[in-house]
């Protein structure tokens, strides 16, 4: 089944992490792939310690997209495309029961990986795999085939008052 956590609110990654932990707790094999983030968010350290969860982040993605040079963007796109190849291998090898693609929609919408490969992963994956996609503004293609779609809306956030992101809360 396909799960989508989307919207402009805080908690999309947290929801995906919760599902990954629940799955691992039930003895399922989880592959957690995180696009556009370098793995320094606090949840990644914990996920790496949990038996049954493998984690892959874009280690070269150390800046927001708007801060990257063209060379940095090209390097991140290349790394993301390698991650897509790894996801295909995990699917083909039946190496995971749950695959989380965190910040998938953001990478898709900004062209930070091969969109056709990404679409194939979602539309052609084995029906026995739980595929979890997160990010803002999912394309209609994905919304139309999702089995679950939770939209997380921001009603109020301290960032709007100028508060910086806090370690352990926002990252």
C-alpha atoms as a PDB file:
ATOM      1  CA  UNK A   1       0.000   0.000   0.000  1.00  0.00           C
ATOM      2  CA  UNK A   2       1.022   3.607  -0.507  1.00  0.00           C
ATOM      3  CA  UNK A   3       0.992   6.087   2.380  1.00  0.00           C
ATOM      4  CA  UNK A   4       1.319   9.847   1.887  1.00  0.00           C
ATOM      5  CA  UNK A   5       2.096  12.369   4.609  1.00  0.00           C
ATOM      6  CA  UNK A   6       1.901  15.804   2.999  1.00  0.00           C
ATOM      7  CA  UNK A   7       1.128  19.420   3.788  1.00  0.00           C
ATOM      8  CA  UNK A   8       2.780  22.556   5.084  1.00  0.00           C
ATOM      9  CA  UNK A   9       2.651  21.529   8.746  1.00  0.00           C
ATOM     10  CA  UNK A  10       5.304  20.126  11.039  1.00  0.00           C
ATOM     11  CA  UNK A  11       5.165  16.370  11.521  1.00  0.00           C
ATOM     12  CA  UNK A  12       5.378  14.636   8.142  1.00  0.00           C
ATOM     13  CA  UNK A  13       8.772  13.099   8.815  1.00  0.00           C
ATOM     14  CA  UNK A  14       7.775  12.410  12.422  1.00  0.00           C
ATOM     15  CA  UNK A  15       4.737  10.458  11.216  1.00  0.00           C
ATOM     16  CA  UNK A  16       6.897   8.419   8.837  1.00  0.00           C
ATOM     17  CA  UNK A  17       9.443   7.766  11.599  1.00  0.00           C
ATOM     18  CA  UNK A  18       6.623   6.590  13.866  1.00  0.00           C
ATOM     19  CA  UNK A  19       5.393   4.143  11.239  1.00  0.00           C
ATOM     20  CA  UNK A  20       8.956   2.887  10.680  1.00  0.00           C
ATOM     21  CA  UNK A  21       9.400   2.274  14.414  1.00  0.00           C
ATOM     22  CA  UNK A  22       6.000   0.561  14.645  1.00  0.00           C
ATOM     23  CA  UNK A  23       6.892  -1.685  11.714  1.00  0.00           C
ATOM     24  CA  UNK A  24      10.281  -2.615  13.158  1.00  0.00           C
ATOM     25  CA  UNK A  25       8.627  -3.310  16.504  1.00  0.00           C
ATOM     26  CA  UNK A  26       6.365  -5.793  14.727  1.00  0.00           C
ATOM     27  CA  UNK A  27       9.366  -7.533  13.154  1.00  0.00           C
ATOM     28  CA  UNK A  28       9.035  -5.911   9.720  1.00  0.00           C
ATOM     29  CA  UNK A  29      12.097  -4.879   7.731  1.00  0.00           C
ATOM     30  CA  UNK A  30      12.218  -1.122   7.134  1.00  0.00           C
ATOM     31  CA  UNK A  31      14.299   0.864   4.649  1.00  0.00           C
ATOM     32  CA  UNK A  32      14.264   4.591   5.401  1.00  0.00           C
ATOM     33  CA  UNK A  33      15.532   6.860   2.601  1.00  0.00           C
ATOM     34  CA  UNK A  34      15.769  10.589   3.238  1.00  0.00           C
ATOM     35  CA  UNK A  35      16.119  13.015   0.332  1.00  0.00           C
ATOM     36  CA  UNK A  36      17.330  16.624   0.640  1.00  0.00           C
ATOM     37  CA  UNK A  37      18.644  16.018   4.171  1.00  0.00           C
ATOM     38  CA  UNK A  38      22.136  14.969   5.224  1.00  0.00           C
ATOM     39  CA  UNK A  39      21.166  12.683   8.103  1.00  0.00           C
ATOM     40  CA  UNK A  40      21.915  15.158  10.866  1.00  0.00           C
ATOM     41  CA  UNK A  41      18.297  15.395  12.066  1.00  0.00           C
ATOM     42  CA  UNK A  42      17.909  13.897  15.515  1.00  0.00           C
ATOM     43  CA  UNK A  43      15.547  11.099  14.495  1.00  0.00           C
ATOM     44  CA  UNK A  44      18.137   9.555  12.172  1.00  0.00           C
ATOM     45  CA  UNK A  45      20.528   8.684  15.012  1.00  0.00           C
ATOM     46  CA  UNK A  46      17.772   6.732  16.778  1.00  0.00           C
ATOM     47  CA  UNK A  47      16.526   5.002  13.615  1.00  0.00           C
ATOM     48  CA  UNK A  48      20.047   3.730  12.890  1.00  0.00           C
ATOM     49  CA  UNK A  49      20.085   2.010  16.292  1.00  0.00           C
ATOM     50  CA  UNK A  50      16.836   0.095  15.796  1.00  0.00           C
ATOM     51  CA  UNK A  51      17.124  -3.512  14.683  1.00  0.00           C
ATOM     52  CA  UNK A  52      15.319  -4.025  11.395  1.00  0.00           C
ATOM     53  CA  UNK A  53      15.687  -0.446  10.126  1.00  0.00           C
ATOM     54  CA  UNK A  54      18.269   0.599   7.551  1.00  0.00           C
ATOM     55  CA  UNK A  55      18.768   4.290   6.868  1.00  0.00           C
ATOM     56  CA  UNK A  56      20.150   6.119   3.841  1.00  0.00           C
ATOM     57  CA  UNK A  57      20.351   9.915   3.712  1.00  0.00           C
ATOM     58  CA  UNK A  58      21.775  12.318   1.156  1.00  0.00           C
ATOM     59  CA  UNK A  59      25.012  13.041   2.973  1.00  0.00           C
ATOM     60  CA  UNK A  60      26.057  15.603   0.364  1.00  0.00           C
ATOM     61  CA  UNK A  61      22.951  17.719   0.943  1.00  0.00           C
ATOM     62  CA  UNK A  62      24.190  20.145   3.584  1.00  0.00           C
ATOM     63  CA  UNK A  63      22.292  23.257   2.463  1.00  0.00           C
ATOM     64  CA  UNK A  64      18.814  24.308   1.468  1.00  0.00           C
ATOM     65  CA  UNK A  65      18.277  24.197  -2.299  1.00  0.00           C
ATOM     66  CA  UNK A  66      18.212  27.994  -2.620  1.00  0.00           C
ATOM     67  CA  UNK A  67      21.652  28.166  -0.954  1.00  0.00           C
ATOM     68  CA  UNK A  68      23.337  25.635  -3.278  1.00  0.00           C
ATOM     69  CA  UNK A  69      25.650  26.451  -6.163  1.00  0.00           C
ATOM     70  CA  UNK A  70      24.975  24.769  -9.498  1.00  0.00           C
ATOM     71  CA  UNK A  71      27.808  22.317  -8.778  1.00  0.00           C
ATOM     72  CA  UNK A  72      26.341  21.428  -5.394  1.00  0.00           C
ATOM     73  CA  UNK A  73      22.915  20.924  -6.941  1.00  0.00           C
ATOM     74  CA  UNK A  74      24.389  18.597  -9.576  1.00  0.00           C
ATOM     75  CA  UNK A  75      26.162  16.555  -6.890  1.00  0.00           C
ATOM     76  CA  UNK A  76      22.971  16.196  -4.833  1.00  0.00           C
ATOM     77  CA  UNK A  77      20.967  15.164  -7.904  1.00  0.00           C
ATOM     78  CA  UNK A  78      23.613  12.530  -8.674  1.00  0.00           C
ATOM     79  CA  UNK A  79      23.466  11.209  -5.108  1.00  0.00           C
ATOM     80  CA  UNK A  80      19.668  11.163  -5.157  1.00  0.00           C
ATOM     81  CA  UNK A  81      19.701   9.175  -8.394  1.00  0.00           C
ATOM     82  CA  UNK A  82      22.044   6.648  -6.750  1.00  0.00           C
ATOM     83  CA  UNK A  83      19.536   6.450  -3.898  1.00  0.00           C
ATOM     84  CA  UNK A  84      16.742   5.738  -6.412  1.00  0.00           C
ATOM     85  CA  UNK A  85      18.854   2.870  -7.783  1.00  0.00           C
ATOM     86  CA  UNK A  86      19.286   1.546  -4.239  1.00  0.00           C
ATOM     87  CA  UNK A  87      15.515   1.735  -3.700  1.00  0.00           C
ATOM     88  CA  UNK A  88      14.962  -0.250  -6.897  1.00  0.00           C
ATOM     89  CA  UNK A  89      17.409  -2.885  -5.633  1.00  0.00           C
ATOM     90  CA  UNK A  90      15.641  -3.073  -2.265  1.00  0.00           C
ATOM     91  CA  UNK A  91      12.311  -3.569  -4.029  1.00  0.00           C
ATOM     92  CA  UNK A  92      13.635  -6.112  -6.525  1.00  0.00           C
ATOM     93  CA  UNK A  93      15.442  -8.053  -3.798  1.00  0.00           C
ATOM     94  CA  UNK A  94      12.430  -8.010  -1.446  1.00  0.00           C
ATOM     95  CA  UNK A  95      14.769  -6.588   1.214  1.00  0.00           C
ATOM     96  CA  UNK A  96      12.139  -4.493   3.018  1.00  0.00           C
ATOM     97  CA  UNK A  97       8.505  -4.686   4.012  1.00  0.00           C
ATOM     98  CA  UNK A  98       8.233  -0.918   4.536  1.00  0.00           C
ATOM     99  CA  UNK A  99      10.104   1.650   2.473  1.00  0.00           C
ATOM    100  CA  UNK A 100       9.998   5.267   3.592  1.00  0.00           C
ATOM    101  CA  UNK A 101      10.883   7.958   1.044  1.00  0.00           C
ATOM    102  CA  UNK A 102      11.150  11.066   3.201  1.00  0.00           C
ATOM    103  CA  UNK A 103      11.033  14.465   1.446  1.00  0.00           C
ATOM    104  CA  UNK A 104      10.149  12.563  -1.729  1.00  0.00           C
ATOM    105  CA  UNK A 105       7.718  15.169  -3.038  1.00  0.00           C
ATOM    106  CA  UNK A 106      10.133  18.009  -2.454  1.00  0.00           C
ATOM    107  CA  UNK A 107      12.864  16.260  -4.422  1.00  0.00           C
ATOM    108  CA  UNK A 108      10.354  15.286  -7.117  1.00  0.00           C
ATOM    109  CA  UNK A 109       8.873  18.772  -7.467  1.00  0.00           C
ATOM    110  CA  UNK A 110      12.265  20.482  -7.697  1.00  0.00           C
ATOM    111  CA  UNK A 111      13.725  17.982 -10.169  1.00  0.00           C
ATOM    112  CA  UNK A 112      16.354  16.801  -7.684  1.00  0.00           C
ATOM    113  CA  UNK A 113      16.224  13.253  -9.050  1.00  0.00           C
ATOM    114  CA  UNK A 114      15.080  11.446 -12.165  1.00  0.00           C
ATOM    115  CA  UNK A 115      11.318  11.888 -12.093  1.00  0.00           C
ATOM    116  CA  UNK A 116      10.524   8.953 -14.390  1.00  0.00           C
ATOM    117  CA  UNK A 117      12.485   6.546 -12.212  1.00  0.00           C
ATOM    118  CA  UNK A 118      10.760   7.941  -9.117  1.00  0.00           C
ATOM    119  CA  UNK A 119       7.350   7.525 -10.744  1.00  0.00           C
ATOM    120  CA  UNK A 120       8.189   3.935 -11.724  1.00  0.00           C
ATOM    121  CA  UNK A 121       9.233   3.127  -8.154  1.00  0.00           C
ATOM    122  CA  UNK A 122       5.876   4.275  -6.851  1.00  0.00           C
ATOM    123  CA  UNK A 123       3.637   2.921  -9.601  1.00  0.00           C
ATOM    124  CA  UNK A 124       5.447  -0.359 -10.332  1.00  0.00           C
ATOM    125  CA  UNK A 125       6.458  -1.456  -6.832  1.00  0.00           C
ATOM    126  CA  UNK A 126       5.403  -4.802  -5.428  1.00  0.00           C
ATOM    127  CA  UNK A 127       1.964  -4.748  -3.825  1.00  0.00           C
ATOM    128  CA  UNK A 128       3.356  -6.392  -0.695  1.00  0.00           C
ATOM    129  CA  UNK A 129       5.525  -3.362   0.143  1.00  0.00           C
ATOM    130  CA  UNK A 130       4.241  -0.526   2.278  1.00  0.00           C
ATOM    131  CA  UNK A 131       5.601   2.589   0.571  1.00  0.00           C
ATOM    132  CA  UNK A 132       5.592   5.794   2.628  1.00  0.00           C
ATOM    133  CA  UNK A 133       6.049   9.135   0.844  1.00  0.00           C
ATOM    134  CA  UNK A 134       6.429  12.497   2.580  1.00  0.00           C
ATOM    135  CA  UNK A 135       6.738  16.137   1.586  1.00  0.00           C
ATOM    136  CA  UNK A 136       4.819  19.127   0.356  1.00  0.00           C
ATOM    137  CA  UNK A 137       2.572  19.360  -2.691  1.00  0.00           C
ATOM    138  CA  UNK A 138       2.290  15.770  -3.927  1.00  0.00           C
ATOM    139  CA  UNK A 139       1.549  15.487  -7.637  1.00  0.00           C
ATOM    140  CA  UNK A 140      -1.905  14.263  -8.648  1.00  0.00           C
ATOM    141  CA  UNK A 141      -0.341  11.045  -9.954  1.00  0.00           C
ATOM    142  CA  UNK A 142       0.652  10.032  -6.430  1.00  0.00           C
ATOM    143  CA  UNK A 143      -2.497  11.258  -4.719  1.00  0.00           C
ATOM    144  CA  UNK A 144      -4.609   9.259  -7.138  1.00  0.00           C
ATOM    145  CA  UNK A 145      -2.969   5.927  -6.307  1.00  0.00           C
ATOM    146  CA  UNK A 146      -2.365   6.402  -2.574  1.00  0.00           C
ATOM    147  CA  UNK A 147      -4.153   4.090  -0.159  1.00  0.00           C
ATOM    148  CA  UNK A 148      -3.601   6.487   2.765  1.00  0.00           C
ATOM    149  CA  UNK A 149      -3.214  10.246   2.456  1.00  0.00           C
ATOM    150  CA  UNK A 150      -2.804  12.345   5.580  1.00  0.00           C
ATOM    151  CA  UNK A 151      -2.441  16.081   5.161  1.00  0.00           C
ATOM    152  CA  UNK A 152      -0.668  17.896   7.960  1.00  0.00           C
ATOM    153  CA  UNK A 153      -1.595  21.567   8.092  1.00  0.00           C
ATOM    154  CA  UNK A 154       0.213  24.360   9.860  1.00  0.00           C
ATOM    155  CA  UNK A 155      -2.233  26.329  11.953  1.00  0.00           C
ATOM    156  CA  UNK A 156       0.428  28.012  14.071  1.00  0.00           C
ATOM    157  CA  UNK A 157       4.207  27.656  14.219  1.00  0.00           C
ATOM    158  CA  UNK A 158       6.830  29.569  16.243  1.00  0.00           C
ATOM    159  CA  UNK A 159       8.883  30.012  13.054  1.00  0.00           C
ATOM    160  CA  UNK A 160       6.283  32.537  11.872  1.00  0.00           C
ATOM    161  CA  UNK A 161       7.190  34.685  14.896  1.00  0.00           C
ATOM    162  CA  UNK A 162      10.895  34.455  14.125  1.00  0.00           C
ATOM    163  CA  UNK A 163      11.783  31.562  16.429  1.00  0.00           C
ATOM    164  CA  UNK A 164      14.653  29.424  15.114  1.00  0.00           C
ATOM    165  CA  UNK A 165      14.350  25.654  14.626  1.00  0.00           C
ATOM    166  CA  UNK A 166      15.189  23.738  17.800  1.00  0.00           C
ATOM    167  CA  UNK A 167      17.237  20.530  17.924  1.00  0.00           C
ATOM    168  CA  UNK A 168      15.094  17.628  19.067  1.00  0.00           C
ATOM    169  CA  UNK A 169      11.863  19.445  18.206  1.00  0.00           C
ATOM    170  CA  UNK A 170      12.098  20.640  14.602  1.00  0.00           C
ATOM    171  CA  UNK A 171      15.226  18.716  13.641  1.00  0.00           C
END
